[in-house]
Amino acid sequence: LYKPLPDCYDDFKADIHRLFPYVYDTKHIAFKIRKQPQLKEC
């Protein structure tokens, strides 16, 4: 939907961040959140 994938990995990251400044991955968030001390009893 944007343009062919670039050869440079950093270019890909910079373009995605410019297109979508707020990206949230629920798998990553769930993995990190469950380790927080506030949720030790969860």
PDB file of all heavy atoms in Angstrom:
ATOM      1  N   LEU A   1       0.801  -1.221   0.000  1.00  0.00           N
ATOM      2  CA  LEU A   1       0.000   0.000   0.000  1.00  0.00           C
ATOM      3  C   LEU A   1       0.837   1.274   0.000  1.00  0.00           C
ATOM      4  O   LEU A   1       0.296   2.352  -0.274  1.00  0.00           O
ATOM      5  CB  LEU A   1      -0.938   0.006   1.211  1.00  0.00           C
ATOM      6  CG  LEU A   1      -1.887  -1.180   1.313  1.00  0.00           C
ATOM      7  CD1 LEU A   1      -2.720  -1.088   2.587  1.00  0.00           C
ATOM      8  CD2 LEU A   1      -2.792  -1.277   0.096  1.00  0.00           C
ATOM      9  N   TYR A   2       2.131   1.180   0.298  1.00  0.00           N
ATOM     10  CA  TYR A   2       2.969   2.377   0.334  1.00  0.00           C
ATOM     11  C   TYR A   2       3.991   2.358  -0.804  1.00  0.00           C
ATOM     12  O   TYR A   2       3.848   3.063  -1.797  1.00  0.00           O
ATOM     13  CB  TYR A   2       3.644   2.501   1.694  1.00  0.00           C
ATOM     14  CG  TYR A   2       4.550   3.706   1.833  1.00  0.00           C
ATOM     15  CD1 TYR A   2       4.097   4.986   1.508  1.00  0.00           C
ATOM     16  CD2 TYR A   2       5.856   3.570   2.282  1.00  0.00           C
ATOM     17  CE1 TYR A   2       4.935   6.091   1.612  1.00  0.00           C
ATOM     18  CE2 TYR A   2       6.695   4.662   2.398  1.00  0.00           C
ATOM     19  CZ  TYR A   2       6.232   5.923   2.060  1.00  0.00           C
ATOM     20  OH  TYR A   2       7.059   7.008   2.163  1.00  0.00           O
ATOM     21  N   LYS A   3       5.020   1.561  -0.682  1.00  0.00           N
ATOM     22  CA  LYS A   3       5.993   1.410  -1.755  1.00  0.00           C
ATOM     23  C   LYS A   3       6.785   0.132  -1.502  1.00  0.00           C
ATOM     24  O   LYS A   3       6.721  -0.444  -0.407  1.00  0.00           O
ATOM     25  CB  LYS A   3       6.925   2.625  -1.825  1.00  0.00           C
ATOM     26  CG  LYS A   3       7.722   2.916  -0.575  1.00  0.00           C
ATOM     27  CD  LYS A   3       8.531   4.202  -0.752  1.00  0.00           C
ATOM     28  CE  LYS A   3       9.351   4.523   0.487  1.00  0.00           C
ATOM     29  NZ  LYS A   3      10.104   5.795   0.346  1.00  0.00           N
ATOM     30  N   PRO A   4       7.532  -0.351  -2.511  1.00  0.00           N
ATOM     31  CA  PRO A   4       8.285  -1.601  -2.315  1.00  0.00           C
ATOM     32  C   PRO A   4       9.207  -1.519  -1.096  1.00  0.00           C
ATOM     33  O   PRO A   4       9.782  -0.466  -0.801  1.00  0.00           O
ATOM     34  CB  PRO A   4       9.090  -1.736  -3.616  1.00  0.00           C
ATOM     35  CG  PRO A   4       8.292  -0.990  -4.629  1.00  0.00           C
ATOM     36  CD  PRO A   4       7.661   0.154  -3.884  1.00  0.00           C
ATOM     37  N   LEU A   5       9.334  -2.639  -0.408  1.00  0.00           N
ATOM     38  CA  LEU A   5      10.177  -2.669   0.785  1.00  0.00           C
ATOM     39  C   LEU A   5      11.599  -2.212   0.454  1.00  0.00           C
ATOM     40  O   LEU A   5      12.168  -2.631  -0.563  1.00  0.00           O
ATOM     41  CB  LEU A   5      10.219  -4.080   1.369  1.00  0.00           C
ATOM     42  CG  LEU A   5       8.966  -4.534   2.115  1.00  0.00           C
ATOM     43  CD1 LEU A   5       8.996  -6.036   2.346  1.00  0.00           C
ATOM     44  CD2 LEU A   5       8.831  -3.794   3.433  1.00  0.00           C
ATOM     45  N   PRO A   6      12.172  -1.356   1.304  1.00  0.00           N
ATOM     46  CA  PRO A   6      13.526  -0.845   1.029  1.00  0.00           C
ATOM     47  C   PRO A   6      14.584  -1.883   1.361  1.00  0.00           C
ATOM     48  O   PRO A   6      14.341  -2.848   2.089  1.00  0.00           O
ATOM     49  CB  PRO A   6      13.620   0.366   1.957  1.00  0.00           C
ATOM     50  CG  PRO A   6      12.743   0.004   3.120  1.00  0.00           C
ATOM     51  CD  PRO A   6      11.606  -0.788   2.536  1.00  0.00           C
ATOM     52  N   ASP A   7      15.776  -1.681   0.838  1.00  0.00           N
ATOM     53  CA  ASP A   7      16.898  -2.564   1.162  1.00  0.00           C
ATOM     54  C   ASP A   7      17.401  -2.325   2.582  1.00  0.00           C
ATOM     55  O   ASP A   7      17.939  -3.237   3.217  1.00  0.00           O
ATOM     56  CB  ASP A   7      18.046  -2.348   0.172  1.00  0.00           C
ATOM     57  CG  ASP A   7      17.678  -2.761  -1.247  1.00  0.00           C
ATOM     58  OD1 ASP A   7      16.854  -3.679  -1.390  1.00  0.00           O
ATOM     59  OD2 ASP A   7      18.194  -2.162  -2.202  1.00  0.00           O
ATOM     60  N   CYS A   8      17.222  -1.109   3.078  1.00  0.00           N
ATOM     61  CA  CYS A   8      17.754  -0.736   4.398  1.00  0.00           C
ATOM     62  C   CYS A   8      16.670  -0.894   5.471  1.00  0.00           C
ATOM     63  O   CYS A   8      15.587  -0.311   5.378  1.00  0.00           O
ATOM     64  CB  CYS A   8      18.270   0.701   4.355  1.00  0.00           C
ATOM     65  SG  CYS A   8      18.920   1.278   5.943  1.00  0.00           S
ATOM     66  N   TYR A   9      16.988  -1.658   6.487  1.00  0.00           N
ATOM     67  CA  TYR A   9      16.071  -1.895   7.599  1.00  0.00           C
ATOM     68  C   TYR A   9      15.719  -0.602   8.332  1.00  0.00           C
ATOM     69  O   TYR A   9      14.557  -0.361   8.680  1.00  0.00           O
ATOM     70  CB  TYR A   9      16.728  -2.903   8.544  1.00  0.00           C
ATOM     71  CG  TYR A   9      16.075  -3.074   9.900  1.00  0.00           C
ATOM     72  CD1 TYR A   9      14.824  -3.654  10.029  1.00  0.00           C
ATOM     73  CD2 TYR A   9      16.745  -2.673  11.061  1.00  0.00           C
ATOM     74  CE1 TYR A   9      14.242  -3.822  11.271  1.00  0.00           C
ATOM     75  CE2 TYR A   9      16.180  -2.843  12.305  1.00  0.00           C
ATOM     76  CZ  TYR A   9      14.925  -3.424  12.406  1.00  0.00           C
ATOM     77  OH  TYR A   9      14.347  -3.578  13.641  1.00  0.00           O
ATOM     78  N   ASP A  10      16.695   0.274   8.536  1.00  0.00           N
ATOM     79  CA  ASP A  10      16.443   1.537   9.232  1.00  0.00           C
ATOM     80  C   ASP A  10      15.498   2.439   8.439  1.00  0.00           C
ATOM     81  O   ASP A  10      14.700   3.186   9.018  1.00  0.00           O
ATOM     82  CB  ASP A  10      17.759   2.271   9.510  1.00  0.00           C
ATOM     83  CG  ASP A  10      18.576   1.605  10.606  1.00  0.00           C
ATOM     84  OD1 ASP A  10      17.970   0.904  11.443  1.00  0.00           O
ATOM     85  OD2 ASP A  10      19.807   1.777  10.624  1.00  0.00           O
ATOM     86  N   ASP A  11      15.587   2.380   7.115  1.00  0.00           N
ATOM     87  CA  ASP A  11      14.663   3.166   6.286  1.00  0.00           C
ATOM     88  C   ASP A  11      13.231   2.675   6.479  1.00  0.00           C
ATOM     89  O   ASP A  11      12.288   3.477   6.547  1.00  0.00           O
ATOM     90  CB  ASP A  11      15.047   3.058   4.805  1.00  0.00           C
ATOM     91  CG  ASP A  11      16.331   3.804   4.492  1.00  0.00           C
ATOM     92  OD1 ASP A  11      16.771   4.626   5.325  1.00  0.00           O
ATOM     93  OD2 ASP A  11      16.910   3.553   3.411  1.00  0.00           O
ATOM     94  N   PHE A  12      13.072   1.378   6.559  1.00  0.00           N
ATOM     95  CA  PHE A  12      11.740   0.813   6.793  1.00  0.00           C
ATOM     96  C   PHE A  12      11.168   1.300   8.124  1.00  0.00           C
ATOM     97  O   PHE A  12      10.025   1.747   8.202  1.00  0.00           O
ATOM     98  CB  PHE A  12      11.818  -0.716   6.779  1.00  0.00           C
ATOM     99  CG  PHE A  12      10.599  -1.400   7.329  1.00  0.00           C
ATOM    100  CD1 PHE A  12       9.435  -1.492   6.579  1.00  0.00           C
ATOM    101  CD2 PHE A  12      10.604  -1.945   8.610  1.00  0.00           C
ATOM    102  CE1 PHE A  12       8.307  -2.113   7.085  1.00  0.00           C
ATOM    103  CE2 PHE A  12       9.485  -2.567   9.127  1.00  0.00           C
ATOM    104  CZ  PHE A  12       8.332  -2.656   8.361  1.00  0.00           C
ATOM    105  N   LYS A  13      11.973   1.237   9.176  1.00  0.00           N
ATOM    106  CA  LYS A  13      11.505   1.679  10.488  1.00  0.00           C
ATOM    107  C   LYS A  13      11.128   3.158  10.475  1.00  0.00           C
ATOM    108  O   LYS A  13      10.079   3.549  11.013  1.00  0.00           O
ATOM    109  CB  LYS A  13      12.579   1.440  11.552  1.00  0.00           C
ATOM    110  CG  LYS A  13      12.823  -0.013  11.885  1.00  0.00           C
ATOM    111  CD  LYS A  13      13.374  -0.187  13.300  1.00  0.00           C
ATOM    112  CE  LYS A  13      14.498   0.743  13.638  1.00  0.00           C
ATOM    113  NZ  LYS A  13      14.935   0.621  15.028  1.00  0.00           N
ATOM    114  N   ALA A  14      11.968   3.982   9.875  1.00  0.00           N
ATOM    115  CA  ALA A  14      11.714   5.430   9.848  1.00  0.00           C
ATOM    116  C   ALA A  14      10.438   5.747   9.078  1.00  0.00           C
ATOM    117  O   ALA A  14       9.641   6.593   9.494  1.00  0.00           O
ATOM    118  CB  ALA A  14      12.908   6.159   9.228  1.00  0.00           C
ATOM    119  N   ASP A  15      10.222   5.065   7.956  1.00  0.00           N
ATOM    120  CA  ASP A  15       9.023   5.312   7.150  1.00  0.00           C
ATOM    121  C   ASP A  15       7.759   4.882   7.882  1.00  0.00           C
ATOM    122  O   ASP A  15       6.755   5.596   7.890  1.00  0.00           O
ATOM    123  CB  ASP A  15       9.131   4.572   5.815  1.00  0.00           C
ATOM    124  CG  ASP A  15      10.081   5.241   4.848  1.00  0.00           C
ATOM    125  OD1 ASP A  15      10.403   6.420   5.061  1.00  0.00           O
ATOM    126  OD2 ASP A  15      10.507   4.586   3.874  1.00  0.00           O
ATOM    127  N   ILE A  16       7.804   3.713   8.499  1.00  0.00           N
ATOM    128  CA  ILE A  16       6.622   3.232   9.232  1.00  0.00           C
ATOM    129  C   ILE A  16       6.288   4.177  10.375  1.00  0.00           C
ATOM    130  O   ILE A  16       5.117   4.504  10.605  1.00  0.00           O
ATOM    131  CB  ILE A  16       6.864   1.803   9.776  1.00  0.00           C
ATOM    132  CG1 ILE A  16       6.724   0.774   8.643  1.00  0.00           C
ATOM    133  CG2 ILE A  16       5.878   1.468  10.885  1.00  0.00           C
ATOM    134  CD1 ILE A  16       5.302   0.582   8.129  1.00  0.00           C
ATOM    135  N   HIS A  17       7.310   4.644  11.076  1.00  0.00           N
ATOM    136  CA  HIS A  17       7.058   5.550  12.199  1.00  0.00           C
ATOM    137  C   HIS A  17       6.499   6.888  11.715  1.00  0.00           C
ATOM    138  O   HIS A  17       5.664   7.502  12.398  1.00  0.00           O
ATOM    139  CB  HIS A  17       8.345   5.780  12.990  1.00  0.00           C
ATOM    140  CG  HIS A  17       8.157   6.600  14.227  1.00  0.00           C
ATOM    141  ND1 HIS A  17       7.233   6.297  15.205  1.00  0.00           N
ATOM    142  CD2 HIS A  17       8.764   7.752  14.652  1.00  0.00           C
ATOM    143  CE1 HIS A  17       7.282   7.197  16.161  1.00  0.00           C
ATOM    144  NE2 HIS A  17       8.192   8.091  15.844  1.00  0.00           N
ATOM    145  N   ARG A  18       6.927   7.334  10.565  1.00  0.00           N
ATOM    146  CA  ARG A  18       6.392   8.580  10.005  1.00  0.00           C
ATOM    147  C   ARG A  18       4.938   8.393   9.556  1.00  0.00           C
ATOM    148  O   ARG A  18       4.103   9.264   9.765  1.00  0.00           O
ATOM    149  CB  ARG A  18       7.261   9.028   8.821  1.00  0.00           C
ATOM    150  CG  ARG A  18       6.758  10.275   8.116  1.00  0.00           C
ATOM    151  CD  ARG A  18       7.743  10.714   7.047  1.00  0.00           C
ATOM    152  NE  ARG A  18       8.132   9.612   6.180  1.00  0.00           N
ATOM    153  CZ  ARG A  18       7.393   9.178   5.161  1.00  0.00           C
ATOM    154  NH1 ARG A  18       6.225   9.731   4.908  1.00  0.00           N
ATOM    155  NH2 ARG A  18       7.818   8.182   4.413  1.00  0.00           N
ATOM    156  N   LEU A  19       4.644   7.244   8.970  1.00  0.00           N
ATOM    157  CA  LEU A  19       3.279   6.977   8.515  1.00  0.00           C
ATOM    158  C   LEU A  19       2.335   6.764   9.698  1.00  0.00           C
ATOM    159  O   LEU A  19       1.205   7.276   9.714  1.00  0.00           O
ATOM    160  CB  LEU A  19       3.261   5.737   7.610  1.00  0.00           C
ATOM    161  CG  LEU A  19       4.015   5.839   6.283  1.00  0.00           C
ATOM    162  CD1 LEU A  19       4.126   4.465   5.632  1.00  0.00           C
ATOM    163  CD2 LEU A  19       3.333   6.820   5.347  1.00  0.00           C
ATOM    164  N   PHE A  20       2.796   5.988  10.675  1.00  0.00           N
ATOM    165  CA  PHE A  20       1.971   5.638  11.847  1.00  0.00           C
ATOM    166  C   PHE A  20       2.781   5.930  13.117  1.00  0.00           C
ATOM    167  O   PHE A  20       3.508   5.065  13.605  1.00  0.00           O
ATOM    168  CB  PHE A  20       1.564   4.171  11.800  1.00  0.00           C
ATOM    169  CG  PHE A  20       0.817   3.772  10.566  1.00  0.00           C
ATOM    170  CD1 PHE A  20       1.429   2.996   9.590  1.00  0.00           C
ATOM    171  CD2 PHE A  20      -0.488   4.191  10.359  1.00  0.00           C
ATOM    172  CE1 PHE A  20       0.743   2.633   8.445  1.00  0.00           C
ATOM    173  CE2 PHE A  20      -1.177   3.829   9.217  1.00  0.00           C
ATOM    174  CZ  PHE A  20      -0.556   3.057   8.253  1.00  0.00           C
ATOM    175  N   PRO A  21       2.658   7.134  13.669  1.00  0.00           N
ATOM    176  CA  PRO A  21       3.477   7.507  14.833  1.00  0.00           C
ATOM    177  C   PRO A  21       3.123   6.749  16.107  1.00  0.00           C
ATOM    178  O   PRO A  21       3.913   6.752  17.055  1.00  0.00           O
ATOM    179  CB  PRO A  21       3.186   9.005  15.006  1.00  0.00           C
ATOM    180  CG  PRO A  21       2.564   9.447  13.713  1.00  0.00           C
ATOM    181  CD  PRO A  21       1.861   8.266  13.169  1.00  0.00           C
ATOM    182  N   TYR A  22       1.942   6.117  16.147  1.00  0.00           N
ATOM    183  CA  TYR A  22       1.509   5.444  17.374  1.00  0.00           C
ATOM    184  C   TYR A  22       1.098   4.009  17.026  1.00  0.00           C
ATOM    185  O   TYR A  22      -0.026   3.744  16.597  1.00  0.00           O
ATOM    186  CB  TYR A  22       0.337   6.185  18.011  1.00  0.00           C
ATOM    187  CG  TYR A  22       0.566   7.672  18.139  1.00  0.00           C
ATOM    188  CD1 TYR A  22      -0.043   8.567  17.264  1.00  0.00           C
ATOM    189  CD2 TYR A  22       1.415   8.195  19.116  1.00  0.00           C
ATOM    190  CE1 TYR A  22       0.170   9.929  17.361  1.00  0.00           C
ATOM    191  CE2 TYR A  22       1.648   9.553  19.214  1.00  0.00           C
ATOM    192  CZ  TYR A  22       1.018  10.420  18.332  1.00  0.00           C
ATOM    193  OH  TYR A  22       1.235  11.772  18.427  1.00  0.00           O
ATOM    194  N   VAL A  23       2.033   3.088  17.221  1.00  0.00           N
ATOM    195  CA  VAL A  23       1.797   1.680  16.942  1.00  0.00           C
ATOM    196  C   VAL A  23       1.875   0.900  18.254  1.00  0.00           C
ATOM    197  O   VAL A  23       2.812   1.084  19.042  1.00  0.00           O
ATOM    198  CB  VAL A  23       2.835   1.132  15.939  1.00  0.00           C
ATOM    199  CG1 VAL A  23       2.696  -0.372  15.781  1.00  0.00           C
ATOM    200  CG2 VAL A  23       2.681   1.828  14.585  1.00  0.00           C
ATOM    201  N   TYR A  24       0.888   0.035  18.479  1.00  0.00           N
ATOM    202  CA  TYR A  24       0.852  -0.759  19.718  1.00  0.00           C
ATOM    203  C   TYR A  24       0.670  -2.230  19.360  1.00  0.00           C
ATOM    204  O   TYR A  24      -0.276  -2.604  18.668  1.00  0.00           O
ATOM    205  CB  TYR A  24      -0.299  -0.309  20.624  1.00  0.00           C
ATOM    206  CG  TYR A  24      -0.171   1.111  21.115  1.00  0.00           C
ATOM    207  CD1 TYR A  24      -0.700   2.178  20.387  1.00  0.00           C
ATOM    208  CD2 TYR A  24       0.484   1.391  22.315  1.00  0.00           C
ATOM    209  CE1 TYR A  24      -0.577   3.481  20.840  1.00  0.00           C
ATOM    210  CE2 TYR A  24       0.620   2.699  22.763  1.00  0.00           C
ATOM    211  CZ  TYR A  24       0.086   3.737  22.029  1.00  0.00           C
ATOM    212  OH  TYR A  24       0.206   5.038  22.472  1.00  0.00           O
ATOM    213  N   ASP A  25       1.590  -3.060  19.841  1.00  0.00           N
ATOM    214  CA  ASP A  25       1.542  -4.507  19.617  1.00  0.00           C
ATOM    215  C   ASP A  25       1.083  -5.167  20.912  1.00  0.00           C
ATOM    216  O   ASP A  25       1.806  -5.167  21.912  1.00  0.00           O
ATOM    217  CB  ASP A  25       2.932  -5.007  19.215  1.00  0.00           C
ATOM    218  CG  ASP A  25       2.931  -6.466  18.779  1.00  0.00           C
ATOM    219  OD1 ASP A  25       2.074  -7.227  19.273  1.00  0.00           O
ATOM    220  OD2 ASP A  25       3.774  -6.834  17.951  1.00  0.00           O
ATOM    221  N   THR A  26      -0.115  -5.728  20.908  1.00  0.00           N
ATOM    222  CA  THR A  26      -0.688  -6.280  22.146  1.00  0.00           C
ATOM    223  C   THR A  26       0.078  -7.509  22.642  1.00  0.00           C
ATOM    224  O   THR A  26       0.052  -7.802  23.841  1.00  0.00           O
ATOM    225  CB  THR A  26      -2.172  -6.631  21.947  1.00  0.00           C
ATOM    226  OG1 THR A  26      -2.331  -7.433  20.768  1.00  0.00           O
ATOM    227  CG2 THR A  26      -3.005  -5.369  21.794  1.00  0.00           C
ATOM    228  N   LYS A  27       0.742  -8.226  21.758  1.00  0.00           N
ATOM    229  CA  LYS A  27       1.543  -9.366  22.229  1.00  0.00           C
ATOM    230  C   LYS A  27       2.720  -8.865  23.053  1.00  0.00           C
ATOM    231  O   LYS A  27       3.003  -9.394  24.133  1.00  0.00           O
ATOM    232  CB  LYS A  27       2.034 -10.205  21.045  1.00  0.00           C
ATOM    233  CG  LYS A  27       2.759 -11.480  21.476  1.00  0.00           C
ATOM    234  CD  LYS A  27       3.141 -12.331  20.289  1.00  0.00           C
ATOM    235  CE  LYS A  27       3.787 -13.637  20.737  1.00  0.00           C
ATOM    236  NZ  LYS A  27       2.849 -14.560  21.379  1.00  0.00           N
ATOM    237  N   HIS A  28       3.403  -7.853  22.550  1.00  0.00           N
ATOM    238  CA  HIS A  28       4.544  -7.278  23.274  1.00  0.00           C
ATOM    239  C   HIS A  28       4.074  -6.632  24.584  1.00  0.00           C
ATOM    240  O   HIS A  28       4.703  -6.805  25.630  1.00  0.00           O
ATOM    241  CB  HIS A  28       5.239  -6.238  22.399  1.00  0.00           C
ATOM    242  CG  HIS A  28       6.334  -5.496  23.090  1.00  0.00           C
ATOM    243  ND1 HIS A  28       7.554  -6.071  23.402  1.00  0.00           N
ATOM    244  CD2 HIS A  28       6.393  -4.213  23.566  1.00  0.00           C
ATOM    245  CE1 HIS A  28       8.310  -5.188  24.014  1.00  0.00           C
ATOM    246  NE2 HIS A  28       7.646  -4.054  24.126  1.00  0.00           N
ATOM    247  N   ILE A  29       2.966  -5.902  24.530  1.00  0.00           N
ATOM    248  CA  ILE A  29       2.459  -5.228  25.727  1.00  0.00           C
ATOM    249  C   ILE A  29       2.084  -6.243  26.797  1.00  0.00           C
ATOM    250  O   ILE A  29       2.435  -6.083  27.973  1.00  0.00           O
ATOM    251  CB  ILE A  29       1.240  -4.343  25.369  1.00  0.00           C
ATOM    252  CG1 ILE A  29       1.700  -3.156  24.506  1.00  0.00           C
ATOM    253  CG2 ILE A  29       0.549  -3.841  26.627  1.00  0.00           C
ATOM    254  CD1 ILE A  29       0.564  -2.335  23.957  1.00  0.00           C
ATOM    255  N   ALA A  30       1.383  -7.308  26.405  1.00  0.00           N
ATOM    256  CA  ALA A  30       0.977  -8.331  27.376  1.00  0.00           C
ATOM    257  C   ALA A  30       2.191  -8.983  28.027  1.00  0.00           C
ATOM    258  O   ALA A  30       2.201  -9.245  29.239  1.00  0.00           O
ATOM    259  CB  ALA A  30       0.112  -9.384  26.687  1.00  0.00           C
ATOM    260  N   PHE A  31       3.229  -9.233  27.239  1.00  0.00           N
ATOM    261  CA  PHE A  31       4.444  -9.855  27.764  1.00  0.00           C
ATOM    262  C   PHE A  31       5.135  -8.940  28.773  1.00  0.00           C
ATOM    263  O   PHE A  31       5.621  -9.394  29.815  1.00  0.00           O
ATOM    264  CB  PHE A  31       5.388 -10.180  26.601  1.00  0.00           C
ATOM    265  CG  PHE A  31       6.682 -10.801  27.023  1.00  0.00           C
ATOM    266  CD1 PHE A  31       6.744 -12.135  27.373  1.00  0.00           C
ATOM    267  CD2 PHE A  31       7.845 -10.047  27.063  1.00  0.00           C
ATOM    268  CE1 PHE A  31       7.947 -12.715  27.772  1.00  0.00           C
ATOM    269  CE2 PHE A  31       9.052 -10.603  27.455  1.00  0.00           C
ATOM    270  CZ  PHE A  31       9.099 -11.948  27.806  1.00  0.00           C
ATOM    271  N   LYS A  32       5.164  -7.641  28.483  1.00  0.00           N
ATOM    272  CA  LYS A  32       5.834  -6.692  29.367  1.00  0.00           C
ATOM    273  C   LYS A  32       5.005  -6.378  30.622  1.00  0.00           C
ATOM    274  O   LYS A  32       5.541  -6.283  31.737  1.00  0.00           O
ATOM    275  CB  LYS A  32       6.118  -5.392  28.602  1.00  0.00           C
ATOM    276  CG  LYS A  32       7.215  -5.506  27.557  1.00  0.00           C
ATOM    277  CD  LYS A  32       8.577  -5.722  28.218  1.00  0.00           C
ATOM    278  CE  LYS A  32       9.705  -5.664  27.210  1.00  0.00           C
ATOM    279  NZ  LYS A  32      11.024  -5.832  27.842  1.00  0.00           N
ATOM    280  N   ILE A  33       3.709  -6.199  30.420  1.00  0.00           N
ATOM    281  CA  ILE A  33       2.842  -5.779  31.527  1.00  0.00           C
ATOM    282  C   ILE A  33       2.789  -6.833  32.632  1.00  0.00           C
ATOM    283  O   ILE A  33       2.794  -6.510  33.827  1.00  0.00           O
ATOM    284  CB  ILE A  33       1.417  -5.489  31.007  1.00  0.00           C
ATOM    285  CG1 ILE A  33       1.405  -4.210  30.171  1.00  0.00           C
ATOM    286  CG2 ILE A  33       0.418  -5.374  32.146  1.00  0.00           C
ATOM    287  CD1 ILE A  33       1.799  -2.969  30.928  1.00  0.00           C
ATOM    288  N   ARG A  34       2.755  -8.093  32.246  1.00  0.00           N
ATOM    289  CA  ARG A  34       2.603  -9.139  33.268  1.00  0.00           C
ATOM    290  C   ARG A  34       3.811  -9.237  34.189  1.00  0.00           C
ATOM    291  O   ARG A  34       3.767  -9.903  35.225  1.00  0.00           O
ATOM    292  CB  ARG A  34       2.324 -10.488  32.605  1.00  0.00           C
ATOM    293  CG  ARG A  34       3.480 -11.049  31.819  1.00  0.00           C
ATOM    294  CD  ARG A  34       3.093 -12.329  31.102  1.00  0.00           C
ATOM    295  NE  ARG A  34       4.216 -12.949  30.433  1.00  0.00           N
ATOM    296  CZ  ARG A  34       4.112 -14.051  29.678  1.00  0.00           C
ATOM    297  NH1 ARG A  34       2.928 -14.615  29.514  1.00  0.00           N
ATOM    298  NH2 ARG A  34       5.177 -14.568  29.114  1.00  0.00           N
ATOM    299  N   LYS A  35       4.928  -8.592  33.805  1.00  0.00           N
ATOM    300  CA  LYS A  35       6.133  -8.596  34.642  1.00  0.00           C
ATOM    301  C   LYS A  35       6.209  -7.412  35.583  1.00  0.00           C
ATOM    302  O   LYS A  35       7.143  -7.327  36.389  1.00  0.00           O
ATOM    303  CB  LYS A  35       7.379  -8.616  33.744  1.00  0.00           C
ATOM    304  CG  LYS A  35       7.523  -9.875  32.891  1.00  0.00           C
ATOM    305  CD  LYS A  35       8.808  -9.841  32.091  1.00  0.00           C
ATOM    306  CE  LYS A  35       9.009 -11.130  31.326  1.00  0.00           C
ATOM    307  NZ  LYS A  35      10.291 -11.133  30.568  1.00  0.00           N
ATOM    308  N   GLN A  36       5.243  -6.483  35.487  1.00  0.00           N
ATOM    309  CA  GLN A  36       5.275  -5.292  36.332  1.00  0.00           C
ATOM    310  C   GLN A  36       4.934  -5.649  37.784  1.00  0.00           C
ATOM    311  O   GLN A  36       4.082  -6.511  38.032  1.00  0.00           O
ATOM    312  CB  GLN A  36       4.294  -4.245  35.815  1.00  0.00           C
ATOM    313  CG  GLN A  36       4.639  -3.718  34.434  1.00  0.00           C
ATOM    314  CD  GLN A  36       6.024  -3.102  34.397  1.00  0.00           C
ATOM    315  OE1 GLN A  36       6.386  -2.290  35.247  1.00  0.00           O
ATOM    316  NE2 GLN A  36       6.817  -3.481  33.389  1.00  0.00           N
ATOM    317  N   PRO A  37       5.577  -4.985  38.763  1.00  0.00           N
ATOM    318  CA  PRO A  37       5.331  -5.325  40.176  1.00  0.00           C
ATOM    319  C   PRO A  37       3.881  -5.092  40.588  1.00  0.00           C
ATOM    320  O   PRO A  37       3.378  -5.778  41.479  1.00  0.00           O
ATOM    321  CB  PRO A  37       6.291  -4.397  40.930  1.00  0.00           C
ATOM    322  CG  PRO A  37       6.661  -3.315  39.969  1.00  0.00           C
ATOM    323  CD  PRO A  37       6.621  -3.946  38.617  1.00  0.00           C
ATOM    324  N   GLN A  38       3.194  -4.151  39.947  1.00  0.00           N
ATOM    325  CA  GLN A  38       1.789  -3.889  40.302  1.00  0.00           C
ATOM    326  C   GLN A  38       0.895  -5.081  39.967  1.00  0.00           C
ATOM    327  O   GLN A  38      -0.207  -5.209  40.498  1.00  0.00           O
ATOM    328  CB  GLN A  38       1.272  -2.644  39.564  1.00  0.00           C
ATOM    329  CG  GLN A  38       1.931  -1.345  39.987  1.00  0.00           C
ATOM    330  CD  GLN A  38       3.222  -1.095  39.244  1.00  0.00           C
ATOM    331  OE1 GLN A  38       3.647  -1.907  38.433  1.00  0.00           O
ATOM    332  NE2 GLN A  38       3.860   0.046  39.520  1.00  0.00           N
ATOM    333  N   LEU A  39       1.357  -5.956  39.072  1.00  0.00           N
ATOM    334  CA  LEU A  39       0.535  -7.090  38.638  1.00  0.00           C
ATOM    335  C   LEU A  39       1.140  -8.424  39.071  1.00  0.00           C
ATOM    336  O   LEU A  39       0.859  -9.456  38.470  1.00  0.00           O
ATOM    337  CB  LEU A  39       0.373  -7.067  37.114  1.00  0.00           C
ATOM    338  CG  LEU A  39      -0.302  -5.830  36.527  1.00  0.00           C
ATOM    339  CD1 LEU A  39      -0.324  -5.907  35.012  1.00  0.00           C
ATOM    340  CD2 LEU A  39      -1.724  -5.688  37.056  1.00  0.00           C
ATOM    341  N   LYS A  40       1.953  -8.405  40.134  1.00  0.00           N
ATOM    342  CA  LYS A  40       2.614  -9.635  40.569  1.00  0.00           C
ATOM    343  C   LYS A  40       1.614 -10.685  41.060  1.00  0.00           C
ATOM    344  O   LYS A  40       1.908 -11.881  41.049  1.00  0.00           O
ATOM    345  CB  LYS A  40       3.634  -9.324  41.654  1.00  0.00           C
ATOM    346  CG  LYS A  40       3.046  -8.709  42.925  1.00  0.00           C
ATOM    347  CD  LYS A  40       4.139  -8.393  43.932  1.00  0.00           C
ATOM    348  CE  LYS A  40       3.560  -7.773  45.206  1.00  0.00           C
ATOM    349  NZ  LYS A  40       4.621  -7.448  46.181  1.00  0.00           N
ATOM    350  N   GLU A  41       0.430 -10.248  41.487  1.00  0.00           N
ATOM    351  CA  GLU A  41      -0.589 -11.192  41.960  1.00  0.00           C
ATOM    352  C   GLU A  41      -1.535 -11.628  40.848  1.00  0.00           C
ATOM    353  O   GLU A  41      -2.425 -12.443  41.071  1.00  0.00           O
ATOM    354  CB  GLU A  41      -1.394 -10.564  43.097  1.00  0.00           C
ATOM    355  CG  GLU A  41      -0.554 -10.224  44.327  1.00  0.00           C
ATOM    356  CD  GLU A  41      -1.372  -9.557  45.408  1.00  0.00           C
ATOM    357  OE1 GLU A  41      -2.579  -9.326  45.167  1.00  0.00           O
ATOM    358  OE2 GLU A  41      -0.811  -9.279  46.485  1.00  0.00           O
ATOM    359  N   CYS A  42      -1.364 -11.076  39.657  1.00  0.00           N
ATOM    360  CA  CYS A  42      -2.232 -11.421  38.532  1.00  0.00           C
ATOM    361  C   CYS A  42      -1.861 -12.813  38.026  1.00  0.00           C
ATOM    362  O   CYS A  42      -0.710 -13.069  37.668  1.00  0.00           O
ATOM    363  CB  CYS A  42      -2.079 -10.386  37.417  1.00  0.00           C
ATOM    364  SG  CYS A  42      -3.092 -10.719  35.985  1.00  0.00           S
TER     365      CYS A  42
END
